[in-house]
Amino acid sequence: MLTKGDDYPLHQTPEPIAYVGGNRNFYDRYFFNGYDKKGDVFFAMALGVYPYVNILDAGFSVVIGGKQHNVISSKVMQLERLDTQVGPLSVEVIAPMQRLKLTCDDPQSGLAAELIFEAFIPPHEEPRFIRRQGSQLMMDLTRMMQNGSWQGWIEVEGEHIDVVSTEFTGTRDRSWGIRNIGDADSQPNPVAALAQFYWIWVPMNFRDFSLHFFVNEDEQGNPWNENAVLIPKFGGGPEEVMIEREYNQTYLSGTRYAKTANLQLTRPCGKQLSIDLVPKWHFFMKGIGYGHETFRHGGYQGELATHRESYVLDEVGPENIHIQAMCDVTLTSEGQQEHGQGVIEQLVIGPHLPSGFSELLDFAP
């Protein structure tokens, strides 16, 4: 079947763009977040394409005044991967790797937005993610990330927020490949290991540069994928891959959320960086479909369906373990300090010896 994508020089196989091979868990996704300098207003959006199951879905969330407002929409995409609008939500690429536009127009929920992301660092390709659970391929994907500024506006239940580039920054990523989507397998592998996933992803913004760190660890605390880079803003020089990196965090009692976090990095020149992150509050990733109870990424909801919800952040239970913690960040190097902002995305499932976790979902004492 031919689609609009076939008119672009993007083919990687002899097949039309609509076909992605035999793995039903193939996906292709956009993610965005943004926040003001005070860390009081936060928004996020995800849009995912799932060609094998013929689904496209998206979610948009805004956090303000201690409350999170969400709209999630899903449609049968008819194999057309370039129609990136689903219900009231859309993503538009204005200039690849530089400028993108997000739109939300949902009067029923009281959410509306027009937001333009303008990159101020080059895109960074993270190391390839490949992970098996027993004999099953759990992940095989590529991701790129990029920090930038935001401009536009948001309306939440009648309140208008002007988003100006001098006040709002954030991060976007693009990932594609294989990871679990939609319904779980009806016949799970009887010898697959107990579910375990330790994931920390920390994009940070400072005046002239960005820092980015992530790590995946096994249950013993051994990294199986990690990366740390310093990326100057455009014109400031090449990115620096850190030659040493160490991440430590303490946990809030009764949760798997970071209470404090510290990152120790060594630049190629040998200079040491110490970064302290102080979480302020939590954005719940289920608001844009990640692990949502009924609107999971890639799940079939009918020809077109839209789900709306809101909740008070302090009333959400700790079993909602996939979060982004809004953080104030302090960087110390050679006695000098610089302040910035960022998030700690955390997803900690199953045992993790350094954290003191031994079960699927036990919590810190």
Protein backbone atom coordinates (compact mmCIF):
# COMPACT_ATOMS: atom_id res chain seq x y z
CA MET A 1 0.00 0.00 0.00
CA LEU A 2 1.42 3.40 -0.99
CA THR A 3 1.10 6.38 1.39
CA LYS A 4 2.34 9.98 1.53
CA GLY A 5 5.59 8.79 3.07
CA ASP A 6 6.52 7.01 -0.13
CA ASP A 7 7.03 10.38 -1.86
CA TYR A 8 9.95 11.12 0.50
CA PRO A 9 13.43 9.55 0.17
CA LEU A 10 13.10 7.71 3.49
CA HIS A 11 12.87 4.03 2.47
CA GLN A 12 15.11 1.60 4.34
CA THR A 13 13.83 -1.62 2.73
CA PRO A 14 12.30 -2.63 -0.64
CA GLU A 15 8.86 -2.32 0.99
CA PRO A 16 6.56 0.74 1.01
CA ILE A 17 6.95 2.94 4.09
CA ALA A 18 3.69 1.54 5.53
CA TYR A 19 5.35 -1.84 6.24
CA VAL A 20 7.85 -2.26 9.06
CA GLY A 21 8.58 -5.98 9.16
CA GLY A 22 7.25 -8.74 11.37
CA ASN A 23 7.54 -7.32 14.90
CA ARG A 24 4.18 -6.01 16.11
CA ASN A 25 5.89 -3.90 18.81
CA PHE A 26 7.56 -1.52 16.35
CA TYR A 27 6.92 2.14 17.25
CA ASP A 28 8.03 5.65 16.24
CA ARG A 29 7.47 8.43 18.80
CA TYR A 30 7.85 12.12 19.58
CA PHE A 31 8.16 13.33 23.20
CA PHE A 32 8.31 16.93 24.44
CA ASN A 33 8.39 18.73 27.77
CA GLY A 34 8.60 22.40 28.72
CA TYR A 35 8.69 24.48 31.91
CA ASP A 36 9.06 28.05 33.06
CA LYS A 37 12.03 29.42 35.02
CA LYS A 38 10.18 29.16 38.32
CA GLY A 39 9.25 25.54 37.69
CA ASP A 40 5.59 26.31 38.39
CA VAL A 41 4.20 25.60 34.91
CA PHE A 42 5.02 22.36 33.10
CA PHE A 43 3.66 20.75 29.95
CA ALA A 44 4.40 17.56 28.06
CA MET A 45 3.27 15.85 24.88
CA ALA A 46 3.86 12.49 23.23
CA LEU A 47 2.75 11.27 19.80
CA GLY A 48 3.37 7.69 18.73
CA VAL A 49 2.97 5.77 15.49
CA TYR A 50 2.52 1.97 15.63
CA PRO A 51 2.49 0.79 12.01
CA TYR A 52 2.13 -2.96 12.56
CA VAL A 53 -1.05 -2.55 14.64
CA ASN A 54 -2.22 0.45 12.55
CA ILE A 55 -2.62 2.83 15.51
CA LEU A 56 -1.57 6.45 16.11
CA ASP A 57 -2.03 8.05 19.52
CA ALA A 58 -1.05 11.21 21.37
CA GLY A 59 -1.31 12.81 24.78
CA PHE A 60 -0.98 16.37 26.08
CA SER A 61 -0.62 17.37 29.74
CA VAL A 62 -0.29 20.61 31.65
CA VAL A 63 0.70 20.96 35.32
CA ILE A 64 -0.21 24.20 37.09
CA GLY A 65 -1.24 24.99 40.64
CA GLY A 66 -0.46 21.47 41.86
CA LYS A 67 -2.88 19.86 39.40
CA GLN A 68 -2.24 17.84 36.25
CA HIS A 69 -4.65 18.08 33.30
CA ASN A 70 -4.51 15.46 30.54
CA VAL A 71 -5.97 14.75 27.10
CA ILE A 72 -5.14 11.45 25.36
CA SER A 73 -6.42 10.53 21.91
CA SER A 74 -6.10 7.45 19.70
CA LYS A 75 -7.11 6.58 16.15
CA VAL A 76 -6.81 3.91 13.51
CA MET A 77 -4.29 5.55 11.21
CA GLN A 78 -5.11 3.68 7.97
CA LEU A 79 -1.35 3.09 7.49
CA GLU A 80 -0.80 6.83 6.86
CA ARG A 81 2.20 7.66 9.03
CA LEU A 82 2.50 11.33 8.00
CA ASP A 83 -0.96 12.37 9.18
CA THR A 84 0.25 13.40 12.64
CA GLN A 85 -3.05 14.69 13.96
CA VAL A 86 -5.22 12.59 16.22
CA GLY A 87 -8.43 14.09 17.58
CA PRO A 88 -7.59 17.47 19.18
CA LEU A 89 -3.81 16.91 19.17
CA SER A 90 -1.14 17.32 16.51
CA VAL A 91 2.60 17.58 15.95
CA GLU A 92 4.02 19.45 12.95
CA VAL A 93 7.66 19.46 11.84
CA ILE A 94 8.34 22.99 10.60
CA ALA A 95 12.13 22.64 10.17
CA PRO A 96 13.62 19.18 10.85
CA MET A 97 15.94 19.05 13.89
CA GLN A 98 15.22 22.71 14.60
CA ARG A 99 11.57 23.79 14.91
CA LEU A 100 8.36 21.86 15.67
CA LYS A 101 4.83 22.90 16.51
CA LEU A 102 2.42 21.30 19.01
CA THR A 103 -1.31 21.94 18.97
CA CYS A 104 -4.08 21.04 21.40
CA ASP A 105 -7.66 22.18 20.82
CA ASP A 106 -10.01 20.38 23.21
CA PRO A 107 -12.85 22.58 24.53
CA GLN A 108 -14.40 19.63 26.38
CA SER A 109 -11.43 19.42 28.76
CA GLY A 110 -10.70 23.14 28.83
CA LEU A 111 -7.24 22.55 27.35
CA ALA A 112 -5.85 24.43 24.36
CA ALA A 113 -2.33 25.27 23.23
CA GLU A 114 -0.18 26.35 20.32
CA LEU A 115 3.49 25.87 21.12
CA ILE A 116 6.63 26.09 19.00
CA PHE A 117 9.84 24.37 20.06
CA GLU A 118 13.05 26.05 18.85
CA ALA A 119 16.21 24.00 19.39
CA PHE A 120 19.25 25.72 20.88
CA ILE A 121 21.56 22.68 20.83
CA PRO A 122 22.24 20.15 18.08
CA PRO A 123 20.42 16.80 18.32
CA HIS A 124 22.24 14.14 20.34
CA GLU A 125 21.97 10.45 19.44
CA GLU A 126 21.96 8.29 22.54
CA PRO A 127 23.69 4.88 22.48
CA ARG A 128 21.48 2.10 21.04
CA PHE A 129 19.14 0.40 23.54
CA ILE A 130 19.05 -3.41 23.24
CA ARG A 131 17.66 -5.51 26.09
CA ARG A 132 16.22 -9.01 26.40
CA GLN A 133 13.93 -10.44 29.07
CA GLY A 134 14.68 -14.14 29.04
CA SER A 135 14.52 -15.11 25.37
CA GLN A 136 12.23 -12.21 24.47
CA LEU A 137 13.46 -9.00 22.85
CA MET A 138 12.27 -6.34 25.29
CA MET A 139 13.88 -3.27 23.67
CA ASP A 140 15.76 -2.51 20.48
CA LEU A 141 15.60 1.19 19.74
CA THR A 142 17.38 4.41 18.89
CA ARG A 143 16.66 7.71 20.58
CA MET A 144 17.80 11.28 19.96
CA MET A 145 17.31 14.19 22.37
CA GLN A 146 17.49 17.96 21.95
CA ASN A 147 16.95 20.91 24.27
CA GLY A 148 15.43 24.23 23.28
CA SER A 149 13.10 27.09 24.09
CA TRP A 150 9.33 27.42 23.73
CA GLN A 151 6.99 30.16 22.56
CA GLY A 152 3.22 30.33 22.11
CA TRP A 153 0.36 30.01 24.56
CA ILE A 154 -1.62 27.60 26.74
CA GLU A 155 -5.16 27.78 28.09
CA VAL A 156 -6.18 25.67 31.08
CA GLU A 157 -9.77 25.89 32.34
CA GLY A 158 -10.05 29.51 31.22
CA GLU A 159 -6.60 30.61 32.41
CA HIS A 160 -4.36 31.95 29.64
CA ILE A 161 -0.59 31.45 29.87
CA ASP A 162 1.78 33.28 27.55
CA VAL A 163 4.75 31.09 26.73
CA VAL A 164 7.79 33.19 25.81
CA SER A 165 11.19 31.88 24.76
CA THR A 166 13.09 33.84 27.41
CA GLU A 167 11.11 32.12 30.18
CA PHE A 168 10.34 28.58 28.92
CA THR A 169 12.84 25.85 28.07
CA GLY A 170 12.60 22.09 27.81
CA THR A 171 13.53 18.92 26.01
CA ARG A 172 12.29 16.88 23.10
CA ASP A 173 13.20 13.38 22.04
CA ARG A 174 12.54 11.07 19.13
CA SER A 175 12.74 7.32 19.56
CA TRP A 176 11.92 4.45 17.25
CA GLY A 177 12.35 0.71 17.22
CA ILE A 178 10.91 -2.08 19.34
CA ARG A 179 9.45 -2.00 22.84
CA ASN A 180 6.23 -3.29 24.35
CA ILE A 181 3.07 -1.60 23.10
CA GLY A 182 -0.67 -2.17 23.50
CA ASP A 183 -1.94 -5.36 25.12
CA ALA A 184 0.46 -7.79 26.78
CA ASP A 185 1.15 -11.15 25.16
CA SER A 186 -1.69 -13.60 25.76
CA GLN A 187 0.89 -16.35 26.29
CA PRO A 188 3.85 -15.00 28.28
CA ASN A 189 7.20 -16.75 28.16
CA PRO A 190 7.29 -19.13 31.18
CA VAL A 191 11.05 -18.77 31.63
CA ALA A 192 11.30 -15.01 31.19
CA ALA A 193 12.91 -13.29 34.15
CA LEU A 194 10.97 -11.30 36.74
CA ALA A 195 10.19 -7.86 35.33
CA GLN A 196 13.05 -5.52 36.20
CA PHE A 197 13.83 -2.10 34.76
CA TYR A 198 15.87 0.69 36.33
CA TRP A 199 15.75 3.86 34.23
CA ILE A 200 17.06 7.33 35.04
CA TRP A 201 17.00 10.04 32.32
CA VAL A 202 18.18 13.55 33.21
CA PRO A 203 18.21 16.40 30.66
CA MET A 204 19.37 19.70 32.17
CA ASN A 205 19.53 23.29 30.91
CA PHE A 206 22.05 25.97 31.86
CA ARG A 207 22.73 29.41 30.42
CA ASP A 208 25.20 28.45 27.67
CA PHE A 209 24.98 24.66 27.47
CA SER A 210 22.97 21.56 28.29
CA LEU A 211 23.93 18.45 30.21
CA HIS A 212 22.32 15.11 29.55
CA PHE A 213 22.66 11.87 31.50
CA PHE A 214 20.90 8.54 31.47
CA VAL A 215 21.48 5.07 32.86
CA ASN A 216 19.84 1.65 32.70
CA GLU A 217 20.93 -0.81 35.40
CA ASP A 218 20.24 -4.47 36.13
CA GLU A 219 19.03 -5.69 39.52
CA GLN A 220 22.58 -5.73 40.90
CA GLY A 221 23.09 -2.11 39.90
CA ASN A 222 25.34 -2.87 36.91
CA PRO A 223 24.77 -0.46 34.00
CA TRP A 224 23.81 -2.06 30.70
CA ASN A 225 23.45 1.29 28.92
CA GLU A 226 24.52 4.76 30.05
CA ASN A 227 25.69 8.06 28.67
CA ALA A 228 26.58 11.58 29.80
CA VAL A 229 27.31 14.54 27.53
CA LEU A 230 27.81 18.30 27.75
CA ILE A 231 26.35 20.03 24.68
CA PRO A 232 27.09 23.74 24.12
CA LYS A 233 24.43 25.91 22.53
CA PHE A 234 24.74 26.43 18.78
CA GLY A 235 28.09 27.97 17.95
CA GLY A 236 29.66 27.08 21.29
CA GLY A 237 31.75 24.12 20.14
CA PRO A 238 31.37 20.34 19.89
CA GLU A 239 29.63 18.14 22.45
CA GLU A 240 31.78 16.53 25.14
CA VAL A 241 31.22 12.91 26.14
CA MET A 242 32.02 12.51 29.82
CA ILE A 243 34.80 10.01 30.56
CA GLU A 244 33.47 9.17 34.05
CA ARG A 245 29.94 9.31 35.45
CA GLU A 246 28.35 8.33 38.73
CA TYR A 247 24.73 8.83 39.77
CA ASN A 248 23.34 8.46 43.28
CA GLN A 249 19.90 9.19 44.70
CA THR A 250 18.01 8.79 47.93
CA TYR A 251 14.30 7.93 48.00
CA LEU A 252 11.23 9.47 49.56
CA SER A 253 9.86 7.14 52.19
CA GLY A 254 7.01 4.95 50.95
CA THR A 255 7.85 5.56 47.28
CA ARG A 256 10.31 4.86 44.48
CA TYR A 257 10.74 8.59 43.84
CA ALA A 258 14.03 10.46 44.22
CA LYS A 259 14.32 12.60 47.36
CA THR A 260 17.78 13.90 46.48
CA ALA A 261 20.11 13.14 43.58
CA ASN A 262 23.75 13.82 42.77
CA LEU A 263 25.66 13.31 39.55
CA GLN A 264 29.46 13.22 39.41
CA LEU A 265 30.97 13.72 35.94
CA THR A 266 34.47 14.02 34.54
CA ARG A 267 35.01 16.00 31.35
CA PRO A 268 37.53 14.87 28.70
CA CYS A 269 39.88 17.61 29.93
CA GLY A 270 39.82 16.08 33.42
CA LYS A 271 37.69 18.75 35.11
CA GLN A 272 35.16 17.46 37.64
CA LEU A 273 31.50 18.41 37.62
CA SER A 274 29.24 17.85 40.62
CA ILE A 275 25.52 18.29 39.96
CA ASP A 276 22.92 18.38 42.74
CA LEU A 277 19.28 17.95 41.74
CA VAL A 278 16.46 18.89 44.10
CA PRO A 279 13.04 17.50 43.07
CA LYS A 280 10.16 19.92 43.61
CA TRP A 281 7.12 17.91 42.47
CA HIS A 282 6.22 15.07 40.11
CA PHE A 283 4.69 14.92 36.65
CA PHE A 284 3.00 11.57 36.06
CA MET A 285 3.88 10.10 32.67
CA LYS A 286 0.61 8.18 32.44
CA GLY A 287 -0.98 11.54 31.61
CA ILE A 288 0.48 11.21 28.10
CA GLY A 289 -0.08 7.47 27.82
CA TYR A 290 3.00 5.88 29.40
CA GLY A 291 1.58 2.94 31.38
CA HIS A 292 -1.90 4.46 31.47
CA GLU A 293 -4.52 2.18 33.00
CA THR A 294 -6.82 2.20 29.95
CA PHE A 295 -5.09 4.26 27.23
CA ARG A 296 -1.72 2.53 26.92
CA HIS A 297 0.52 3.43 23.99
CA GLY A 298 -0.46 1.49 20.90
CA GLY A 299 -3.69 0.12 22.39
CA TYR A 300 -6.79 -0.17 20.22
CA GLN A 301 -9.52 2.27 21.33
CA GLY A 302 -11.71 2.22 18.22
CA GLU A 303 -11.70 4.31 15.06
CA LEU A 304 -11.19 7.52 17.08
CA ALA A 305 -11.39 8.03 20.83
CA THR A 306 -10.37 10.76 23.27
CA HIS A 307 -9.90 10.42 27.02
CA ARG A 308 -9.77 13.33 29.48
CA GLU A 309 -8.76 13.41 33.13
CA SER A 310 -7.17 15.57 35.79
CA TYR A 311 -5.84 14.99 39.27
CA VAL A 312 -4.19 16.72 42.22
CA LEU A 313 -0.50 15.76 42.22
CA ASP A 314 -0.32 15.14 45.97
CA GLU A 315 -3.22 12.69 45.77
CA VAL A 316 -1.68 10.34 43.19
CA GLY A 317 -0.50 7.05 44.71
CA PRO A 318 3.15 5.86 44.70
CA GLU A 319 2.27 2.87 42.52
CA ASN A 320 2.43 5.36 39.64
CA ILE A 321 6.18 4.90 39.35
CA HIS A 322 6.88 6.41 35.92
CA ILE A 323 7.41 10.11 36.60
CA GLN A 324 9.40 13.18 35.70
CA ALA A 325 10.50 15.10 38.78
CA MET A 326 10.79 18.84 38.16
CA CYS A 327 14.17 19.84 39.60
CA ASP A 328 16.27 22.82 40.53
CA VAL A 329 19.85 22.03 39.53
CA THR A 330 23.16 23.29 40.92
CA LEU A 331 26.41 22.62 39.06
CA THR A 332 29.69 22.98 40.96
CA SER A 333 33.08 22.95 39.22
CA GLU A 334 36.41 24.26 40.53
CA GLY A 335 34.67 26.17 43.29
CA GLN A 336 32.25 27.93 40.94
CA GLN A 337 28.50 27.33 40.90
CA GLU A 338 25.90 27.67 38.18
CA HIS A 339 22.17 27.16 38.57
CA GLY A 340 19.88 25.54 36.03
CA GLN A 341 16.79 23.41 35.62
CA GLY A 342 15.93 19.93 34.50
CA VAL A 343 13.97 16.81 35.19
CA ILE A 344 14.72 13.36 36.54
CA GLU A 345 12.67 10.82 34.63
CA GLN A 346 12.45 7.70 36.76
CA LEU A 347 11.02 4.26 36.08
CA VAL A 348 12.17 1.71 38.64
CA ILE A 349 10.41 -1.64 38.41
CA GLY A 350 11.40 -4.81 40.24
CA PRO A 351 14.56 -5.56 42.22
CA HIS A 352 17.42 -3.07 42.42
CA LEU A 353 20.02 -3.90 45.05
CA PRO A 354 21.62 -0.42 45.44
CA SER A 355 18.15 1.05 46.07
CA GLY A 356 17.18 -1.65 48.56
CA PHE A 357 14.34 -2.98 46.38
CA SER A 358 13.86 -6.75 46.22
CA GLU A 359 10.33 -7.20 44.89
CA LEU A 360 8.31 -6.10 41.89
CA LEU A 361 6.96 -3.00 43.67
CA ASP A 362 8.24 -2.57 47.21
CA PHE A 363 8.94 0.95 48.45
CA ALA A 364 11.67 2.80 50.34
CA PRO A 365 11.40 2.62 54.16
